Amino acid sequence: MIRFEQVSKVYPDGTTAVDGLSFEVERGELVTLVGPSGCGKTTTMMMVNRLIEPTAGRILVDGEDVSAVDPVRLRRRIGYVIQHVGLFPHRSVLDNTATVPALVGWKRAKARARAAELLDLVGLDPAVYGSRYPAQLSGGQRQRVGVARALAADPPVLLMDEPFGAVDPVVREHLQNEFLALQATVRKTVLLVTHDIEEAVRMGDRIAVYGQGRIEQFDTPGAVLGAPATDRVARFVGADRGLKRLAVTTVEPDDLEQPPLVRLDEPAAPAAVRLRSAGARWAVVVGPGGELHGWVAADVLARAGAGATVGPLARRMEAWVPLGATLKRAFGEMLQHDAGWVAVVDGSRFLGVLTPALLHEALRRSVDADERGIPRDEVEFHSVSDA
């Protein structure tokens, strides 16, 4: 969808911002451009919509050389989100969002209806926020309006320059999650510039790690963290890249352990006997369809009175994650709830538990799989206990 062919940018004073850049962004892909200040990542992005003109090479968007397209027409079909949003202070939120549809000739009613639809999509009720002005919004709300405005005319390409950099860390993570959920729906082709490797890893389908004016490595987040291509990349991603990899490695069914199970409507006494014979101190409580209801201690079942069933004795399961959640999220749940494991569910159906040891094993399998170019479930893992 976006292709760079030997693109360079040299300024009149001789400064080379970008040197012989060649790479391609697939349709519907989110690629993050990451590197230190002055490395050329923002210049790269701004050449796509011709805010900066390249000195050499070609940039093609959907097969069309952008240098042959009128810059204004080009920019109206490319969404653009910047760090400080750039909303018009004298226009309402609804009118800000409807800016590009109005510029490309949509009737006012249609443009405002589309704006209302997009505001709702980014979590801002148009009935509440549409008539407000930018100064009446929080930083996170202004950023949401910026994203809505960029998407309003349904552009195939979205350029994002440090879009979440002007808000605090808690809001930033929330906005990142919201945008990833939105991207899963709209599937735009996105170039996102950031100086933060954790954001690049979290957001990108692939990452372009810049040196000085050149891409040092262009690969998946897992590959960049697991096998940095150069010393420069290794230094940039940091010595703790193994920890960062937790954010891009997901929980899979083969990572899980199967604990003892008891049914919600099961009599407590025989359940206690079964757990005692198995040497189990606790069990997961499930419903008739395998849905997760909580957990129960074996000694609680043993002390229950005659005729008691498991259901009223079960405790709420605080530490749980959905299948496909990241190992970072699972580890965070363990720490938050001081838990020795987390339950993993698919919808409401219980699948198994992830322990710290299994989490570590999943991380090691992921690294090995990327290095060898094989699926994670094909990696043979040997621990000390196997020796």
Protein backbone atom coordinates (compact mmCIF):
# COMPACT_ATOMS: atom_id res chain seq x y z
CA MET A 1 0.00 0.00 0.00
CA ILE A 2 2.91 2.37 0.81
CA ARG A 3 6.22 1.68 -0.91
CA PHE A 4 9.52 3.52 -0.58
CA GLU A 5 11.99 3.01 -3.40
CA GLN A 6 15.52 4.26 -2.67
CA VAL A 7 14.18 7.44 -1.08
CA SER A 8 16.63 10.06 0.19
CA LYS A 9 16.26 13.52 1.66
CA VAL A 10 19.23 15.90 1.71
CA TYR A 11 18.74 19.48 2.89
CA PRO A 12 20.46 22.47 1.24
CA ASP A 13 23.02 22.66 4.04
CA GLY A 14 24.14 19.11 3.22
CA THR A 15 22.34 17.38 6.10
CA THR A 16 21.14 13.92 5.10
CA ALA A 17 17.89 13.16 6.89
CA VAL A 18 17.06 9.93 5.05
CA ASP A 19 19.45 7.90 2.91
CA GLY A 20 18.37 5.30 0.34
CA LEU A 21 15.27 4.14 2.13
CA SER A 22 13.42 1.13 0.68
CA PHE A 23 10.58 -0.69 2.42
CA GLU A 24 6.89 -1.49 1.97
CA VAL A 25 3.85 -1.27 4.23
CA GLU A 26 1.16 -3.80 3.39
CA ARG A 27 -2.52 -2.87 3.10
CA GLY A 28 -4.15 -2.82 6.56
CA GLU A 29 -0.80 -3.06 8.35
CA LEU A 30 0.32 -0.85 11.23
CA VAL A 31 4.05 -0.14 10.99
CA THR A 32 5.84 1.82 13.70
CA LEU A 33 8.88 3.93 12.88
CA VAL A 34 11.07 4.15 15.98
CA GLY A 35 14.45 5.61 16.77
CA PRO A 36 16.25 8.42 18.58
CA SER A 37 15.59 12.08 17.87
CA GLY A 38 16.93 13.23 14.51
CA CYS A 39 17.13 9.76 12.98
CA GLY A 40 14.78 10.56 10.06
CA LYS A 41 11.61 8.76 11.12
CA THR A 42 9.37 11.86 11.06
CA THR A 43 10.91 13.00 7.79
CA THR A 44 10.05 9.58 6.36
CA MET A 45 6.43 9.92 7.37
CA MET A 46 6.08 13.53 6.17
CA MET A 47 7.34 12.62 2.72
CA VAL A 48 4.33 10.34 2.26
CA ASN A 49 1.89 13.28 2.19
CA ARG A 50 4.48 15.64 0.69
CA LEU A 51 4.84 17.95 3.66
CA ILE A 52 8.50 17.28 2.89
CA GLU A 53 9.64 16.52 -0.64
CA PRO A 54 12.26 13.78 -1.17
CA THR A 55 15.51 14.57 -2.91
CA ALA A 56 15.69 11.22 -4.69
CA GLY A 57 13.70 8.04 -5.09
CA ARG A 58 9.97 7.35 -5.29
CA ILE A 59 7.13 6.92 -2.81
CA LEU A 60 4.04 5.09 -4.02
CA VAL A 61 0.67 4.98 -2.27
CA ASP A 62 -1.64 2.29 -3.64
CA GLY A 63 0.60 2.05 -6.71
CA GLU A 64 0.54 5.79 -7.48
CA ASP A 65 3.68 7.94 -7.32
CA VAL A 66 2.82 10.69 -4.82
CA SER A 67 5.03 13.18 -6.66
CA ALA A 68 2.56 13.05 -9.56
CA VAL A 69 -0.44 13.85 -7.34
CA ASP A 70 -1.58 17.33 -6.40
CA PRO A 71 -0.39 17.79 -2.76
CA VAL A 72 -3.74 19.13 -1.53
CA ARG A 73 -5.69 16.28 -3.13
CA LEU A 74 -3.15 13.81 -1.77
CA ARG A 75 -3.42 15.10 1.82
CA ARG A 76 -7.21 15.02 1.78
CA ARG A 77 -7.13 11.27 1.21
CA ILE A 78 -4.52 10.58 3.90
CA GLY A 79 -5.42 10.87 7.58
CA TYR A 80 -2.93 12.72 9.77
CA VAL A 81 -2.70 12.65 13.58
CA ILE A 82 -0.05 14.65 15.44
CA GLN A 83 1.11 14.84 19.04
CA HIS A 84 -0.57 18.11 19.95
CA VAL A 85 -3.68 17.27 17.90
CA GLY A 86 -3.97 20.61 16.05
CA LEU A 87 -7.70 21.10 16.55
CA PHE A 88 -9.18 24.42 15.49
CA PRO A 89 -9.89 26.23 18.78
CA HIS A 90 -12.78 28.30 17.37
CA ARG A 91 -14.70 25.30 16.02
CA SER A 92 -16.80 22.79 17.91
CA VAL A 93 -15.70 19.20 18.33
CA LEU A 94 -18.27 18.07 15.76
CA ASP A 95 -17.17 20.66 13.21
CA ASN A 96 -13.50 19.86 13.84
CA THR A 97 -14.21 16.21 13.15
CA ALA A 98 -16.14 17.04 9.97
CA THR A 99 -13.32 19.19 8.55
CA VAL A 100 -11.97 16.89 5.83
CA PRO A 101 -15.35 15.59 4.61
CA ALA A 102 -16.42 19.23 4.21
CA LEU A 103 -13.21 20.06 2.32
CA VAL A 104 -13.69 17.22 -0.14
CA GLY A 105 -17.22 18.37 -0.94
CA TRP A 106 -19.54 16.39 1.30
CA LYS A 107 -22.83 18.08 2.10
CA ARG A 108 -22.88 19.57 5.60
CA ALA A 109 -25.49 17.15 6.95
CA LYS A 110 -23.60 14.12 5.67
CA ALA A 111 -20.27 15.44 6.99
CA ARG A 112 -21.69 16.09 10.45
CA ALA A 113 -23.43 12.70 10.52
CA ARG A 114 -20.10 11.03 9.68
CA ALA A 115 -18.38 13.14 12.36
CA ALA A 116 -20.93 12.04 14.94
CA GLU A 117 -20.42 8.41 13.93
CA LEU A 118 -16.63 8.69 14.34
CA LEU A 119 -16.87 10.48 17.69
CA ASP A 120 -19.03 7.64 18.94
CA LEU A 121 -16.50 5.14 17.57
CA VAL A 122 -13.66 6.70 19.57
CA GLY A 123 -15.71 6.76 22.75
CA LEU A 124 -17.02 10.34 22.78
CA ASP A 125 -20.80 10.69 22.84
CA PRO A 126 -21.56 13.29 20.13
CA ALA A 127 -24.61 14.44 22.08
CA VAL A 128 -22.34 15.31 25.00
CA TYR A 129 -19.10 16.39 23.35
CA GLY A 130 -20.11 17.48 19.85
CA SER A 131 -20.97 21.06 20.82
CA ARG A 132 -17.94 21.56 23.06
CA TYR A 133 -14.76 23.33 22.05
CA PRO A 134 -11.22 21.91 22.28
CA ALA A 135 -10.38 24.00 25.36
CA GLN A 136 -13.22 22.25 27.19
CA LEU A 137 -11.69 18.78 26.68
CA SER A 138 -8.99 16.85 28.49
CA GLY A 139 -5.78 15.93 26.68
CA GLY A 140 -6.99 12.38 26.10
CA GLN A 141 -10.33 13.60 24.76
CA ARG A 142 -8.61 16.01 22.36
CA GLN A 143 -6.45 13.12 21.13
CA ARG A 144 -9.56 11.03 20.47
CA VAL A 145 -11.06 13.89 18.46
CA GLY A 146 -7.81 14.07 16.48
CA VAL A 147 -8.09 10.39 15.58
CA ALA A 148 -11.79 10.78 14.69
CA ARG A 149 -11.02 13.77 12.45
CA ALA A 150 -8.26 11.84 10.68
CA LEU A 151 -10.64 8.96 9.95
CA ALA A 152 -13.70 11.03 9.05
CA ALA A 153 -13.31 10.94 5.26
CA ASP A 154 -12.44 7.20 5.43
CA PRO A 155 -8.86 7.53 4.14
CA PRO A 156 -7.03 4.29 3.28
CA VAL A 157 -3.80 5.59 4.85
CA LEU A 158 -3.25 7.08 8.30
CA LEU A 159 -0.07 8.89 9.37
CA MET A 160 0.46 9.29 13.12
CA ASP A 161 3.30 11.39 14.55
CA GLU A 162 3.83 10.71 18.29
CA PRO A 163 0.02 10.59 18.65
CA PHE A 164 -0.01 9.59 22.32
CA GLY A 165 3.06 11.47 23.51
CA ALA A 166 1.31 14.49 25.07
CA VAL A 167 -0.69 12.62 27.71
CA ASP A 168 0.24 10.92 30.97
CA PRO A 169 1.27 7.22 30.99
CA VAL A 170 -2.08 5.89 32.25
CA VAL A 171 -4.07 7.78 29.61
CA ARG A 172 -1.47 6.86 26.98
CA GLU A 173 -1.90 3.13 27.58
CA HIS A 174 -5.69 3.52 27.52
CA LEU A 175 -5.54 5.42 24.21
CA GLN A 176 -3.19 2.82 22.75
CA ASN A 177 -5.62 0.05 23.68
CA GLU A 178 -8.52 2.01 22.22
CA PHE A 179 -6.70 2.64 18.96
CA LEU A 180 -5.66 -1.00 18.57
CA ALA A 181 -9.29 -2.03 19.07
CA LEU A 182 -10.36 0.59 16.51
CA GLN A 183 -7.69 -0.54 14.06
CA ALA A 184 -8.95 -4.12 14.34
CA THR A 185 -12.27 -2.78 13.04
CA VAL A 186 -11.22 -0.25 10.39
CA ARG A 187 -7.94 -1.88 9.21
CA LYS A 188 -6.26 1.23 7.87
CA THR A 189 -2.71 1.25 6.56
CA VAL A 190 -0.85 3.10 9.31
CA LEU A 191 2.59 4.64 9.72
CA LEU A 192 3.11 5.57 13.36
CA VAL A 193 6.18 7.51 14.47
CA THR A 194 7.43 7.16 18.03
CA HIS A 195 10.67 7.45 19.99
CA ASP A 196 9.38 4.95 22.58
CA ILE A 197 10.39 1.34 21.86
CA GLU A 198 7.71 0.02 24.23
CA GLU A 199 5.03 1.88 22.28
CA ALA A 200 6.50 0.65 18.99
CA VAL A 201 6.44 -2.95 20.24
CA ARG A 202 2.93 -2.64 21.64
CA MET A 203 1.37 -0.99 18.58
CA GLY A 204 3.18 -2.29 15.53
CA ASP A 205 2.50 -5.28 13.31
CA ARG A 206 6.07 -4.59 12.22
CA ILE A 207 8.71 -2.15 13.46
CA ALA A 208 11.25 -0.13 11.49
CA VAL A 209 14.14 0.65 13.84
CA TYR A 210 16.16 3.61 12.59
CA GLY A 211 19.84 4.34 12.86
CA GLN A 212 20.96 7.64 11.37
CA GLY A 213 18.79 8.13 8.29
CA ARG A 214 18.60 4.40 7.62
CA ILE A 215 16.49 1.49 8.80
CA GLU A 216 18.66 -0.88 10.80
CA GLN A 217 15.96 -3.56 11.16
CA PHE A 218 12.44 -3.99 9.78
CA ASP A 219 10.67 -6.94 11.35
CA THR A 220 7.99 -8.08 13.76
CA PRO A 221 8.18 -6.81 17.36
CA GLY A 222 9.04 -10.30 18.59
CA ALA A 223 11.90 -10.66 16.10
CA VAL A 224 13.32 -7.21 16.89
CA LEU A 225 13.30 -7.95 20.62
CA GLY A 226 14.44 -11.56 20.29
CA ALA A 227 17.14 -11.12 17.67
CA PRO A 228 18.33 -7.51 17.18
CA ALA A 229 19.95 -7.26 13.74
CA THR A 230 22.72 -4.86 14.77
CA ASP A 231 24.47 -3.59 17.88
CA ARG A 232 22.70 -0.26 17.39
CA VAL A 233 19.31 -1.97 17.48
CA ALA A 234 20.32 -4.00 20.54
CA ARG A 235 21.36 -0.83 22.38
CA PHE A 236 18.17 0.96 21.41
CA VAL A 237 15.76 -1.78 22.46
CA GLY A 238 17.69 -2.14 25.72
CA ALA A 239 19.14 -4.91 27.85
CA ASP A 240 15.67 -5.60 29.25
CA ARG A 241 14.30 -6.57 25.83
CA GLY A 242 13.27 -9.93 27.30
CA LEU A 243 10.87 -8.11 29.61
CA LYS A 244 9.60 -5.96 26.74
CA ARG A 245 8.90 -9.16 24.85
CA LEU A 246 6.23 -10.01 27.44
CA ALA A 247 4.13 -7.28 25.82
CA VAL A 248 4.09 -9.00 22.39
CA THR A 249 3.92 -12.67 23.41
CA THR A 250 0.39 -13.96 23.83
CA VAL A 251 -1.09 -16.69 25.99
CA GLU A 252 -1.81 -19.81 23.93
CA PRO A 253 -3.67 -23.01 24.89
CA ASP A 254 -0.46 -25.08 24.97
CA ASP A 255 0.93 -22.77 27.68
CA LEU A 256 -1.68 -23.82 30.21
CA GLU A 257 -1.87 -26.30 33.04
CA GLN A 258 -5.05 -28.17 33.90
CA PRO A 259 -5.88 -27.88 37.62
CA PRO A 260 -8.50 -29.93 39.50
CA LEU A 261 -12.07 -28.95 38.59
CA VAL A 262 -15.28 -29.14 40.57
CA ARG A 263 -18.77 -28.40 39.31
CA LEU A 264 -20.86 -25.57 40.63
CA ASP A 265 -23.73 -27.89 41.59
CA GLU A 266 -21.54 -30.73 42.87
CA PRO A 267 -22.03 -31.89 46.49
CA ALA A 268 -19.20 -30.54 48.65
CA ALA A 269 -18.38 -33.78 50.53
CA PRO A 270 -17.48 -36.00 47.55
CA ALA A 271 -15.66 -33.08 45.92
CA ALA A 272 -13.53 -32.75 49.09
CA VAL A 273 -12.74 -36.46 49.05
CA ARG A 274 -11.70 -36.28 45.40
CA LEU A 275 -9.38 -33.34 46.02
CA ARG A 276 -7.86 -34.97 49.10
CA SER A 277 -7.11 -38.19 47.21
CA ALA A 278 -5.46 -36.13 44.46
CA GLY A 279 -3.40 -34.16 47.01
CA ALA A 280 -4.95 -30.91 45.76
CA ARG A 281 -5.39 -27.92 48.07
CA TRP A 282 -7.84 -26.09 45.80
CA ALA A 283 -9.91 -26.49 42.66
CA VAL A 284 -11.39 -24.29 39.94
CA VAL A 285 -15.19 -24.10 40.01
CA VAL A 286 -16.95 -24.36 36.65
CA GLY A 287 -20.56 -24.31 35.53
CA PRO A 288 -22.38 -26.98 33.48
CA GLY A 289 -21.01 -25.53 30.23
CA GLY A 290 -17.45 -25.23 31.50
CA GLU A 291 -17.82 -21.53 32.29
CA LEU A 292 -15.55 -20.15 34.99
CA HIS A 293 -17.25 -19.38 38.32
CA GLY A 294 -14.30 -19.07 40.71
CA TRP A 295 -12.23 -21.33 42.95
CA VAL A 296 -12.63 -23.18 46.22
CA ALA A 297 -10.20 -24.46 48.86
CA ALA A 298 -10.23 -28.18 49.66
CA ASP A 299 -10.41 -27.55 53.41
CA VAL A 300 -13.49 -25.34 52.94
CA LEU A 301 -15.21 -28.17 51.11
CA ALA A 302 -14.18 -30.62 53.84
CA ARG A 303 -15.70 -28.44 56.58
CA ALA A 304 -18.98 -27.89 54.73
CA GLY A 305 -22.12 -29.24 56.33
CA ALA A 306 -24.17 -32.15 55.09
CA GLY A 307 -26.03 -31.41 51.89
CA ALA A 308 -23.82 -28.43 50.99
CA THR A 309 -22.92 -27.86 47.34
CA VAL A 310 -19.83 -26.27 45.88
CA GLY A 311 -21.50 -23.13 44.49
CA PRO A 312 -22.08 -21.14 47.71
CA LEU A 313 -18.55 -22.01 48.90
CA ALA A 314 -16.77 -20.76 45.79
CA ARG A 315 -14.71 -17.58 45.87
CA ARG A 316 -14.50 -15.07 43.08
CA MET A 317 -11.63 -15.52 40.62
CA GLU A 318 -9.80 -12.18 40.74
CA ALA A 319 -6.80 -13.09 38.60
CA TRP A 320 -7.84 -14.05 35.08
CA VAL A 321 -7.11 -13.12 31.47
CA PRO A 322 -8.68 -14.00 28.12
CA LEU A 323 -6.94 -16.36 25.73
CA GLY A 324 -4.67 -14.27 23.50
CA ALA A 325 -3.85 -11.73 26.22
CA THR A 326 -0.18 -10.82 26.47
CA LEU A 327 2.14 -12.44 28.97
CA LYS A 328 2.71 -8.93 30.33
CA ARG A 329 -0.97 -8.61 31.18
CA ALA A 330 -1.02 -12.09 32.74
CA PHE A 331 2.05 -11.29 34.84
CA GLY A 332 0.47 -7.99 35.89
CA GLU A 333 -2.65 -9.85 37.08
CA MET A 334 -0.48 -12.18 39.16
CA LEU A 335 1.29 -9.26 40.79
CA GLN A 336 -1.84 -7.17 41.33
CA HIS A 337 -3.68 -9.97 43.09
CA ASP A 338 -0.63 -11.62 44.68
CA ALA A 339 -1.67 -14.82 42.89
CA GLY A 340 0.36 -17.93 42.16
CA TRP A 341 -1.46 -18.37 38.85
CA VAL A 342 -4.03 -16.77 36.59
CA ALA A 343 -7.06 -18.41 35.06
CA VAL A 344 -7.36 -18.25 31.25
CA VAL A 345 -10.76 -18.14 29.59
CA ASP A 346 -12.15 -18.19 26.09
CA GLY A 347 -15.24 -16.03 26.42
CA SER A 348 -16.61 -17.39 29.70
CA ARG A 349 -15.29 -20.94 29.20
CA PHE A 350 -12.40 -21.95 31.44
CA LEU A 351 -9.34 -23.28 29.56
CA GLY A 352 -6.65 -23.70 32.21
CA VAL A 353 -4.23 -21.78 34.40
CA LEU A 354 -0.94 -20.04 33.71
CA THR A 355 1.70 -20.22 36.45
CA PRO A 356 4.91 -18.15 36.70
CA ALA A 357 6.93 -21.17 35.55
CA LEU A 358 4.66 -21.70 32.55
CA LEU A 359 4.78 -17.97 31.74
CA HIS A 360 8.58 -18.15 31.65
CA GLU A 361 8.41 -21.27 29.49
CA ALA A 362 6.03 -19.54 27.06
CA LEU A 363 8.43 -16.60 26.76
CA ARG A 364 11.38 -18.88 26.06
CA ARG A 365 9.39 -20.85 23.49
CA SER A 366 8.46 -17.61 21.75
CA VAL A 367 12.09 -16.47 21.53
CA ASP A 368 13.22 -19.86 20.23
CA ALA A 369 10.37 -20.02 17.71
CA ASP A 370 11.29 -16.63 16.23
CA GLU A 371 14.98 -17.50 16.05
CA ARG A 372 14.27 -20.79 14.27
CA GLY A 373 11.32 -19.57 12.19
CA ILE A 374 8.92 -22.24 13.43
CA PRO A 375 5.53 -22.13 15.25
CA ARG A 376 5.76 -21.81 19.01
CA ASP A 377 3.98 -25.12 19.64
CA GLU A 378 6.74 -26.95 17.74
CA VAL A 379 9.48 -25.80 20.11
CA GLU A 380 10.71 -28.53 22.45
CA PHE A 381 11.31 -27.09 25.88
CA HIS A 382 13.55 -28.72 28.47
CA SER A 383 13.68 -27.46 32.06
CA VAL A 384 15.94 -28.39 34.96
CA SER A 385 13.26 -30.79 36.19
CA ASP A 386 13.64 -32.78 32.95
CA ALA A 387 17.31 -33.46 33.59
